[in-house]
N, C-alpha and C. Protein backbone atom coordinates (compact mmCIF):
# COMPACT_ATOMS: atom_id res chain seq x y z
N MET A 1 111.69 142.66 115.54
CA MET A 1 111.85 142.53 114.10
C MET A 1 112.93 143.51 113.63
N GLU A 2 113.81 143.02 112.80
CA GLU A 2 114.92 143.83 112.30
C GLU A 2 114.42 144.89 111.33
N LYS A 3 114.89 146.12 111.50
CA LYS A 3 114.51 147.21 110.61
C LYS A 3 115.28 147.08 109.29
N LYS A 4 114.56 147.16 108.19
CA LYS A 4 115.14 146.98 106.87
C LYS A 4 115.82 148.28 106.42
N ASN A 5 117.01 148.14 105.84
CA ASN A 5 117.72 149.29 105.29
C ASN A 5 117.02 149.72 104.00
N LYS A 6 116.62 150.97 103.94
CA LYS A 6 115.93 151.49 102.77
C LYS A 6 116.78 152.54 102.04
N ILE A 7 118.06 152.56 102.34
CA ILE A 7 118.98 153.43 101.62
C ILE A 7 119.83 152.52 100.73
N LEU A 8 119.66 152.68 99.43
CA LEU A 8 120.24 151.75 98.47
C LEU A 8 121.06 152.49 97.43
N TRP A 9 121.89 151.76 96.72
CA TRP A 9 122.80 152.31 95.73
C TRP A 9 122.44 151.84 94.33
N ASP A 10 122.81 152.66 93.34
CA ASP A 10 122.68 152.21 91.96
C ASP A 10 123.80 151.21 91.69
N GLU A 11 123.73 150.55 90.55
CA GLU A 11 124.69 149.48 90.25
C GLU A 11 126.13 149.98 90.11
N ASN A 12 126.32 151.25 89.78
CA ASN A 12 127.67 151.80 89.66
C ASN A 12 128.15 152.43 90.98
N ARG A 13 127.31 152.36 91.99
CA ARG A 13 127.62 152.92 93.32
C ARG A 13 128.00 154.39 93.25
N GLN A 14 127.31 155.11 92.36
CA GLN A 14 127.54 156.55 92.25
C GLN A 14 126.36 157.36 92.74
N MET A 15 125.21 156.72 92.86
CA MET A 15 124.01 157.40 93.32
C MET A 15 123.42 156.63 94.50
N LYS A 16 123.00 157.37 95.50
CA LYS A 16 122.39 156.77 96.69
C LYS A 16 120.92 157.18 96.71
N PHE A 17 120.06 156.19 96.84
CA PHE A 17 118.61 156.37 96.85
C PHE A 17 118.11 156.20 98.28
N ASP A 18 117.41 157.18 98.78
CA ASP A 18 116.89 157.12 100.15
C ASP A 18 115.38 156.89 100.11
N PHE A 19 114.99 155.65 100.36
CA PHE A 19 113.58 155.26 100.37
C PHE A 19 113.07 155.10 101.81
N SER A 20 113.66 155.79 102.75
CA SER A 20 113.30 155.67 104.16
C SER A 20 111.83 155.94 104.43
N SER A 21 111.22 156.83 103.67
CA SER A 21 109.81 157.16 103.91
C SER A 21 108.84 156.21 103.20
N ALA A 22 109.35 155.24 102.47
CA ALA A 22 108.48 154.25 101.81
C ALA A 22 108.04 153.18 102.80
N LEU A 23 106.92 152.55 102.54
CA LEU A 23 106.48 151.43 103.37
C LEU A 23 107.50 150.29 103.27
N ASP A 24 107.94 150.05 102.05
CA ASP A 24 108.91 148.98 101.81
C ASP A 24 109.62 149.27 100.50
N VAL A 25 110.76 148.64 100.31
CA VAL A 25 111.46 148.69 99.04
C VAL A 25 111.99 147.29 98.77
N PHE A 26 111.82 146.86 97.54
CA PHE A 26 112.14 145.51 97.12
C PHE A 26 113.13 145.60 95.97
N GLU A 27 114.22 144.85 96.06
CA GLU A 27 115.19 144.76 94.97
C GLU A 27 115.07 143.37 94.36
N PRO A 28 114.46 143.25 93.19
CA PRO A 28 114.23 141.92 92.60
C PRO A 28 115.43 141.31 91.88
N HIS A 29 116.56 142.00 91.88
CA HIS A 29 117.69 141.60 91.06
C HIS A 29 118.19 140.17 91.35
N GLU A 30 118.35 139.82 92.60
CA GLU A 30 118.87 138.49 92.94
C GLU A 30 117.94 137.38 92.44
N LEU A 31 116.64 137.60 92.60
CA LEU A 31 115.67 136.60 92.12
C LEU A 31 115.66 136.52 90.60
N ALA A 32 115.72 137.66 89.93
CA ALA A 32 115.73 137.67 88.47
C ALA A 32 116.97 136.96 87.93
N ASN A 33 118.08 137.08 88.64
CA ASN A 33 119.32 136.45 88.18
C ASN A 33 119.28 134.93 88.23
N LEU A 34 118.35 134.36 89.00
CA LEU A 34 118.22 132.91 89.01
C LEU A 34 117.85 132.38 87.63
N TYR A 35 117.15 133.21 86.85
CA TYR A 35 116.74 132.85 85.49
C TYR A 35 117.04 134.02 84.55
N SER A 36 118.27 134.48 84.58
CA SER A 36 118.63 135.70 83.84
C SER A 36 118.44 135.58 82.33
N GLU A 37 118.40 134.37 81.83
CA GLU A 37 118.15 134.21 80.40
C GLU A 37 116.71 134.60 80.05
N TYR A 38 115.80 134.52 81.04
CA TYR A 38 114.39 134.77 80.79
C TYR A 38 113.86 136.01 81.48
N LEU A 39 114.44 136.37 82.62
CA LEU A 39 113.91 137.47 83.41
C LEU A 39 114.87 138.66 83.45
N SER A 40 114.30 139.83 83.33
CA SER A 40 115.00 141.08 83.58
C SER A 40 114.24 141.74 84.72
N ASP A 41 114.85 142.74 85.33
CA ASP A 41 114.19 143.38 86.47
C ASP A 41 114.55 144.85 86.54
N VAL A 42 113.67 145.61 87.18
CA VAL A 42 113.97 147.01 87.45
C VAL A 42 114.89 147.08 88.67
N ASP A 43 115.42 148.24 88.93
CA ASP A 43 116.35 148.39 90.04
C ASP A 43 115.65 148.29 91.40
N PHE A 44 114.51 148.97 91.53
CA PHE A 44 113.83 149.02 92.83
C PHE A 44 112.32 148.99 92.62
N VAL A 45 111.61 148.36 93.56
CA VAL A 45 110.16 148.45 93.63
C VAL A 45 109.86 149.12 94.97
N VAL A 46 109.30 150.31 94.89
CA VAL A 46 109.04 151.12 96.07
C VAL A 46 107.56 151.01 96.40
N GLU A 47 107.27 150.57 97.61
CA GLU A 47 105.88 150.42 98.02
C GLU A 47 105.43 151.63 98.82
N GLU A 48 104.38 152.26 98.34
CA GLU A 48 103.73 153.35 99.05
C GLU A 48 102.36 152.87 99.52
N LYS A 49 101.65 153.72 100.20
CA LYS A 49 100.34 153.34 100.74
C LYS A 49 99.37 152.92 99.63
N GLU A 50 99.41 153.63 98.50
CA GLU A 50 98.42 153.35 97.46
C GLU A 50 99.00 152.85 96.14
N LYS A 51 100.33 152.78 96.03
CA LYS A 51 100.88 152.31 94.76
C LYS A 51 102.26 151.69 94.94
N LEU A 52 102.65 150.95 93.90
CA LEU A 52 103.99 150.43 93.78
C LEU A 52 104.67 151.20 92.66
N ILE A 53 105.89 151.64 92.90
CA ILE A 53 106.67 152.32 91.88
C ILE A 53 107.78 151.37 91.45
N CYS A 54 107.73 150.94 90.21
CA CYS A 54 108.79 150.12 89.65
C CYS A 54 109.79 151.09 89.02
N LEU A 55 110.95 151.21 89.63
CA LEU A 55 111.92 152.24 89.25
C LEU A 55 113.14 151.63 88.56
N GLU A 56 113.35 152.04 87.34
CA GLU A 56 114.55 151.66 86.59
C GLU A 56 115.39 152.92 86.40
N TYR A 57 116.65 152.85 86.81
CA TYR A 57 117.55 154.00 86.73
C TYR A 57 118.62 153.73 85.68
N LYS A 58 118.73 154.64 84.73
CA LYS A 58 119.75 154.57 83.69
C LYS A 58 120.52 155.88 83.71
N ASN A 59 121.85 155.76 83.83
CA ASN A 59 122.68 156.94 83.93
C ASN A 59 123.70 156.96 82.80
N GLY A 60 123.51 157.88 81.88
CA GLY A 60 124.46 158.06 80.78
C GLY A 60 125.56 159.03 81.13
N ASN A 61 125.58 159.47 82.38
CA ASN A 61 126.58 160.43 82.83
C ASN A 61 127.56 159.80 83.82
N VAL A 62 127.85 158.52 83.65
CA VAL A 62 128.74 157.82 84.58
C VAL A 62 130.12 158.45 84.54
N LYS A 63 130.63 158.76 85.70
CA LYS A 63 131.97 159.36 85.79
C LYS A 63 133.02 158.38 85.26
N ASN A 64 133.99 158.92 84.56
CA ASN A 64 135.11 158.15 84.02
C ASN A 64 134.67 157.06 83.04
N ALA A 65 133.55 157.29 82.38
CA ALA A 65 133.08 156.31 81.39
C ALA A 65 134.09 156.22 80.24
N ASP A 66 134.33 155.00 79.77
CA ASP A 66 135.26 154.79 78.65
C ASP A 66 134.74 155.45 77.38
N ASN A 67 133.42 155.36 77.17
CA ASN A 67 132.83 155.90 75.95
C ASN A 67 131.52 156.61 76.32
N PRO A 68 131.59 157.89 76.71
CA PRO A 68 130.38 158.59 77.16
C PRO A 68 129.29 158.69 76.09
N GLU A 69 129.65 158.62 74.82
CA GLU A 69 128.66 158.71 73.75
C GLU A 69 127.90 157.39 73.55
N ALA A 70 128.41 156.30 74.11
CA ALA A 70 127.80 154.98 73.91
C ALA A 70 126.35 154.94 74.40
N PHE A 71 126.07 155.58 75.52
CA PHE A 71 124.70 155.57 76.06
C PHE A 71 123.74 156.24 75.08
N ASN A 72 124.12 157.38 74.54
CA ASN A 72 123.25 158.07 73.59
C ASN A 72 123.03 157.23 72.33
N GLN A 73 124.02 156.45 71.95
CA GLN A 73 123.85 155.56 70.80
C GLN A 73 122.87 154.43 71.12
N LYS A 74 122.87 153.96 72.36
CA LYS A 74 121.91 152.92 72.77
C LYS A 74 120.48 153.40 72.62
N LEU A 75 120.25 154.67 72.95
CA LEU A 75 118.89 155.22 72.96
C LEU A 75 118.20 155.15 71.60
N ILE A 76 118.96 155.12 70.53
CA ILE A 76 118.33 155.09 69.21
C ILE A 76 118.08 153.67 68.72
N ARG A 77 118.52 152.70 69.47
CA ARG A 77 118.32 151.30 69.08
C ARG A 77 117.04 150.73 69.69
N GLU A 78 116.29 150.04 68.88
CA GLU A 78 115.02 149.43 69.33
C GLU A 78 115.26 148.41 70.45
N GLU A 79 116.36 147.68 70.38
CA GLU A 79 116.65 146.65 71.38
C GLU A 79 116.73 147.25 72.80
N PHE A 80 117.26 148.46 72.92
CA PHE A 80 117.34 149.12 74.23
C PHE A 80 115.95 149.26 74.82
N TRP A 81 114.99 149.74 74.03
CA TRP A 81 113.64 149.98 74.53
C TRP A 81 112.90 148.68 74.82
N LYS A 82 113.16 147.64 74.02
CA LYS A 82 112.57 146.33 74.31
C LYS A 82 113.10 145.79 75.63
N LYS A 83 114.37 145.99 75.88
CA LYS A 83 114.96 145.54 77.14
C LYS A 83 114.36 146.29 78.34
N ILE A 84 114.14 147.57 78.19
CA ILE A 84 113.52 148.37 79.25
C ILE A 84 112.10 147.86 79.52
N ALA A 85 111.37 147.53 78.47
CA ALA A 85 110.01 146.98 78.63
C ALA A 85 110.06 145.62 79.31
N ARG A 86 111.00 144.75 78.90
CA ARG A 86 111.12 143.41 79.52
C ARG A 86 111.40 143.51 81.01
N LYS A 87 112.10 144.54 81.42
CA LYS A 87 112.38 144.72 82.84
C LYS A 87 111.08 144.86 83.64
N PHE A 88 110.10 145.54 83.07
CA PHE A 88 108.82 145.68 83.75
C PHE A 88 108.10 144.33 83.84
N TYR A 89 108.06 143.59 82.73
CA TYR A 89 107.37 142.30 82.73
C TYR A 89 107.99 141.33 83.74
N GLY A 90 109.31 141.24 83.74
CA GLY A 90 109.98 140.34 84.68
C GLY A 90 109.75 140.75 86.12
N THR A 91 109.78 142.04 86.37
CA THR A 91 109.55 142.55 87.72
C THR A 91 108.12 142.28 88.16
N LEU A 92 107.17 142.49 87.27
CA LEU A 92 105.77 142.24 87.61
C LEU A 92 105.57 140.78 88.02
N PHE A 93 106.18 139.88 87.27
CA PHE A 93 106.11 138.45 87.62
C PHE A 93 106.65 138.23 89.04
N LEU A 94 107.79 138.82 89.36
CA LEU A 94 108.40 138.64 90.69
C LEU A 94 107.58 139.31 91.79
N ILE A 95 106.97 140.43 91.50
CA ILE A 95 106.08 141.08 92.48
C ILE A 95 104.94 140.14 92.83
N TRP A 96 104.32 139.55 91.83
CA TRP A 96 103.21 138.63 92.08
C TRP A 96 103.69 137.36 92.77
N ALA A 97 104.83 136.83 92.32
CA ALA A 97 105.34 135.59 92.92
C ALA A 97 105.71 135.78 94.39
N CYS A 98 106.11 136.96 94.76
CA CYS A 98 106.51 137.25 96.15
C CYS A 98 105.37 137.89 96.97
N ASN A 99 104.16 137.89 96.42
CA ASN A 99 102.99 138.49 97.09
C ASN A 99 103.24 139.93 97.53
N LYS A 100 103.86 140.69 96.67
CA LYS A 100 104.17 142.09 97.00
C LYS A 100 103.04 143.05 96.68
N ASN A 101 101.98 142.59 96.04
CA ASN A 101 100.86 143.48 95.74
C ASN A 101 99.52 142.80 96.01
N GLN A 102 99.39 142.24 97.18
CA GLN A 102 98.16 141.52 97.52
C GLN A 102 96.94 142.44 97.59
N SER A 103 97.14 143.70 97.93
CA SER A 103 96.01 144.61 98.02
C SER A 103 95.71 145.32 96.70
N ASP A 104 96.34 144.86 95.61
CA ASP A 104 96.07 145.37 94.27
C ASP A 104 96.26 146.88 94.17
N LYS A 105 97.42 147.33 94.60
CA LYS A 105 97.75 148.75 94.52
C LYS A 105 98.01 149.14 93.08
N LEU A 106 97.93 150.43 92.81
CA LEU A 106 98.28 150.94 91.50
C LEU A 106 99.74 150.59 91.22
N VAL A 107 100.06 150.37 89.96
CA VAL A 107 101.43 150.04 89.57
C VAL A 107 101.92 151.09 88.57
N GLN A 108 103.00 151.72 88.94
CA GLN A 108 103.60 152.76 88.10
C GLN A 108 105.01 152.32 87.72
N TYR A 109 105.35 152.51 86.46
CA TYR A 109 106.70 152.21 85.99
C TYR A 109 107.37 153.55 85.71
N VAL A 110 108.50 153.79 86.38
CA VAL A 110 109.25 155.02 86.20
C VAL A 110 110.62 154.67 85.63
N LEU A 111 110.93 155.27 84.51
CA LEU A 111 112.28 155.18 83.95
C LEU A 111 112.95 156.51 84.27
N LEU A 112 113.88 156.46 85.19
CA LEU A 112 114.65 157.63 85.60
C LEU A 112 115.93 157.59 84.78
N MET A 113 116.06 158.56 83.86
CA MET A 113 117.16 158.47 82.93
C MET A 113 117.90 159.80 82.83
N GLU A 114 119.20 159.69 82.97
CA GLU A 114 120.07 160.84 82.78
C GLU A 114 120.92 160.59 81.56
N SER A 115 120.96 161.57 80.69
CA SER A 115 121.80 161.46 79.51
C SER A 115 122.50 162.80 79.29
N ASN A 116 123.59 162.73 78.57
CA ASN A 116 124.34 163.93 78.30
C ASN A 116 124.57 164.02 76.80
N PRO A 117 124.02 164.98 76.11
CA PRO A 117 123.22 166.06 76.69
C PRO A 117 121.83 165.55 77.06
N GLY A 118 121.13 166.33 77.84
CA GLY A 118 119.78 165.96 78.26
C GLY A 118 118.84 165.89 77.06
N MET A 119 117.68 165.32 77.27
CA MET A 119 116.71 165.17 76.18
C MET A 119 115.80 166.39 76.11
N ASP A 120 115.49 166.80 74.90
CA ASP A 120 114.50 167.86 74.76
C ASP A 120 113.11 167.24 74.88
N ALA A 121 112.10 168.09 74.98
CA ALA A 121 110.73 167.62 75.22
C ALA A 121 110.23 166.72 74.10
N ALA A 122 110.56 167.03 72.86
CA ALA A 122 110.08 166.22 71.72
C ALA A 122 110.69 164.82 71.74
N LEU A 123 111.98 164.74 71.99
CA LEU A 123 112.65 163.43 72.05
C LEU A 123 112.12 162.61 73.22
N LYS A 124 111.94 163.26 74.34
CA LYS A 124 111.40 162.58 75.52
C LYS A 124 110.00 162.03 75.25
N LYS A 125 109.17 162.82 74.59
CA LYS A 125 107.81 162.37 74.27
C LYS A 125 107.86 161.18 73.31
N ARG A 126 108.76 161.25 72.32
CA ARG A 126 108.90 160.15 71.37
C ARG A 126 109.31 158.86 72.07
N PHE A 127 110.30 158.96 72.97
CA PHE A 127 110.75 157.78 73.72
C PHE A 127 109.65 157.25 74.63
N THR A 128 108.91 158.15 75.25
CA THR A 128 107.81 157.73 76.14
C THR A 128 106.76 156.96 75.35
N MET A 129 106.37 157.49 74.21
CA MET A 129 105.35 156.82 73.39
C MET A 129 105.86 155.47 72.88
N LYS A 130 107.13 155.41 72.51
CA LYS A 130 107.73 154.15 72.04
C LYS A 130 107.62 153.08 73.12
N LEU A 131 107.95 153.44 74.35
CA LEU A 131 107.91 152.45 75.43
C LEU A 131 106.48 152.11 75.83
N MET A 132 105.60 153.09 75.82
CA MET A 132 104.20 152.82 76.20
C MET A 132 103.56 151.80 75.26
N ARG A 133 103.97 151.80 73.99
CA ARG A 133 103.43 150.80 73.05
C ARG A 133 103.91 149.40 73.39
N GLN A 134 105.01 149.29 74.11
CA GLN A 134 105.58 147.98 74.45
C GLN A 134 105.14 147.48 75.83
N LEU A 135 104.54 148.35 76.62
CA LEU A 135 104.08 147.98 77.96
C LEU A 135 102.64 147.48 77.89
N PRO A 136 102.19 146.71 78.88
CA PRO A 136 100.89 146.00 78.80
C PRO A 136 99.65 146.84 79.11
N PHE A 137 99.56 148.06 78.61
CA PHE A 137 98.39 148.90 78.85
C PHE A 137 97.13 148.33 78.21
N LYS A 138 97.26 147.60 77.10
CA LYS A 138 96.07 147.04 76.42
C LYS A 138 95.32 146.06 77.31
N TYR A 139 96.02 145.41 78.24
CA TYR A 139 95.34 144.48 79.15
C TYR A 139 94.32 145.19 80.03
N ASN A 140 94.52 146.46 80.28
CA ASN A 140 93.60 147.21 81.15
C ASN A 140 92.20 147.32 80.55
N THR A 141 92.06 147.10 79.26
CA THR A 141 90.75 147.22 78.62
C THR A 141 90.07 145.87 78.42
N ARG A 142 90.73 144.79 78.77
CA ARG A 142 90.18 143.45 78.54
C ARG A 142 89.36 142.99 79.74
N SER A 143 88.16 142.50 79.49
CA SER A 143 87.26 142.10 80.57
C SER A 143 87.76 140.86 81.32
N GLU A 144 88.49 139.98 80.63
CA GLU A 144 88.96 138.77 81.32
C GLU A 144 90.14 139.04 82.26
N ILE A 145 90.78 140.17 82.12
CA ILE A 145 91.87 140.56 83.01
C ILE A 145 91.25 141.24 84.23
N GLN A 146 91.43 140.66 85.38
CA GLN A 146 90.75 141.12 86.59
C GLN A 146 91.52 142.16 87.40
N ARG A 147 92.79 142.35 87.08
CA ARG A 147 93.60 143.32 87.82
C ARG A 147 94.26 144.27 86.83
N LYS A 148 94.44 145.49 87.26
CA LYS A 148 95.23 146.42 86.46
C LYS A 148 96.67 145.94 86.51
N ILE A 149 97.30 145.85 85.39
CA ILE A 149 98.67 145.38 85.33
C ILE A 149 99.64 146.54 85.42
N ILE A 150 99.28 147.63 84.77
CA ILE A 150 100.09 148.85 84.82
C ILE A 150 99.12 150.03 84.76
N ASN A 151 99.38 151.01 85.57
CA ASN A 151 98.52 152.18 85.60
C ASN A 151 99.15 153.40 84.94
N GLU A 152 100.47 153.48 85.02
CA GLU A 152 101.14 154.68 84.52
C GLU A 152 102.59 154.37 84.18
N PHE A 153 103.08 155.04 83.17
CA PHE A 153 104.51 155.03 82.86
C PHE A 153 104.97 156.47 82.74
N CYS A 154 106.14 156.75 83.28
CA CYS A 154 106.73 158.07 83.06
C CYS A 154 108.24 157.98 82.94
N LEU A 155 108.75 158.82 82.07
CA LEU A 155 110.17 158.96 81.82
C LEU A 155 110.59 160.27 82.46
N LEU A 156 111.46 160.19 83.45
CA LEU A 156 111.86 161.38 84.20
C LEU A 156 113.36 161.55 84.18
N ASP A 157 113.81 162.79 84.29
CA ASP A 157 115.22 163.04 84.57
C ASP A 157 115.34 163.30 86.07
N LEU A 158 116.53 163.48 86.54
CA LEU A 158 116.76 163.63 87.98
C LEU A 158 116.03 164.84 88.56
N LYS A 159 116.01 165.93 87.84
CA LYS A 159 115.32 167.14 88.32
C LYS A 159 113.82 166.86 88.47
N GLU A 160 113.23 166.20 87.47
CA GLU A 160 111.81 165.88 87.54
C GLU A 160 111.51 164.90 88.67
N TRP A 161 112.41 163.92 88.89
CA TRP A 161 112.24 162.99 90.00
C TRP A 161 112.17 163.76 91.32
N LYS A 162 113.08 164.68 91.51
CA LYS A 162 113.14 165.45 92.76
C LYS A 162 111.87 166.27 92.97
N GLU A 163 111.27 166.75 91.89
CA GLU A 163 110.02 167.51 91.98
C GLU A 163 108.84 166.60 92.27
N LYS A 164 108.79 165.45 91.60
CA LYS A 164 107.64 164.54 91.73
C LYS A 164 107.72 163.68 93.00
N TYR A 165 108.94 163.31 93.39
CA TYR A 165 109.13 162.42 94.54
C TYR A 165 110.13 163.01 95.54
N PRO A 166 109.84 164.17 96.11
CA PRO A 166 110.80 164.76 97.06
C PRO A 166 111.01 163.90 98.31
N GLN A 167 110.06 163.01 98.59
CA GLN A 167 110.18 162.12 99.75
C GLN A 167 111.24 161.04 99.56
N TYR A 168 111.73 160.88 98.33
CA TYR A 168 112.76 159.89 98.04
C TYR A 168 113.98 160.59 97.42
N PRO A 169 114.80 161.21 98.27
CA PRO A 169 115.96 161.92 97.73
C PRO A 169 117.01 160.97 97.13
N ILE A 170 117.68 161.49 96.15
CA ILE A 170 118.77 160.76 95.49
C ILE A 170 120.00 161.65 95.60
N TYR A 171 121.08 161.03 96.04
CA TYR A 171 122.32 161.77 96.26
C TYR A 171 123.42 161.28 95.33
N ASP A 172 124.08 162.23 94.71
CA ASP A 172 125.27 161.94 93.89
C ASP A 172 126.42 161.75 94.85
N VAL A 173 127.12 160.63 94.75
CA VAL A 173 128.18 160.35 95.72
C VAL A 173 129.54 160.67 95.12
């Protein structure tokens, strides 16, 4: 059986993600693009022994950006946060369609976001709460829903990612 490459790049090819220690890593982008009018997707789904990490990476510090302030302007728009939430829903659909969570592992959504300047704790908390209201946590309390749809959401910067997930290093190229 061919060994799968678990070292992947962000869309701008400026960051390298090393998921070598993960059980598996799934990139739903190609499948989501089949119906891009309806589906959005996160960058990577990382499978661990007990959970799936749906990882969306947003970098407002892209080198040679034409308008470096544009990313910070996006953050204040509601449409940006709705799009980030839709990425989780589309990815969850593809995870289930591809039988990627047959053992009903915990599902965590991580938004790894770098912005310049960085976010202070109050702004980060506000953005986290804004997105949590848009994610399907309410389903976890409904008796007719038999599976947990989402267990956790966290908004991290690169430093926090390195502290929380040292097993998955990210390299600036």
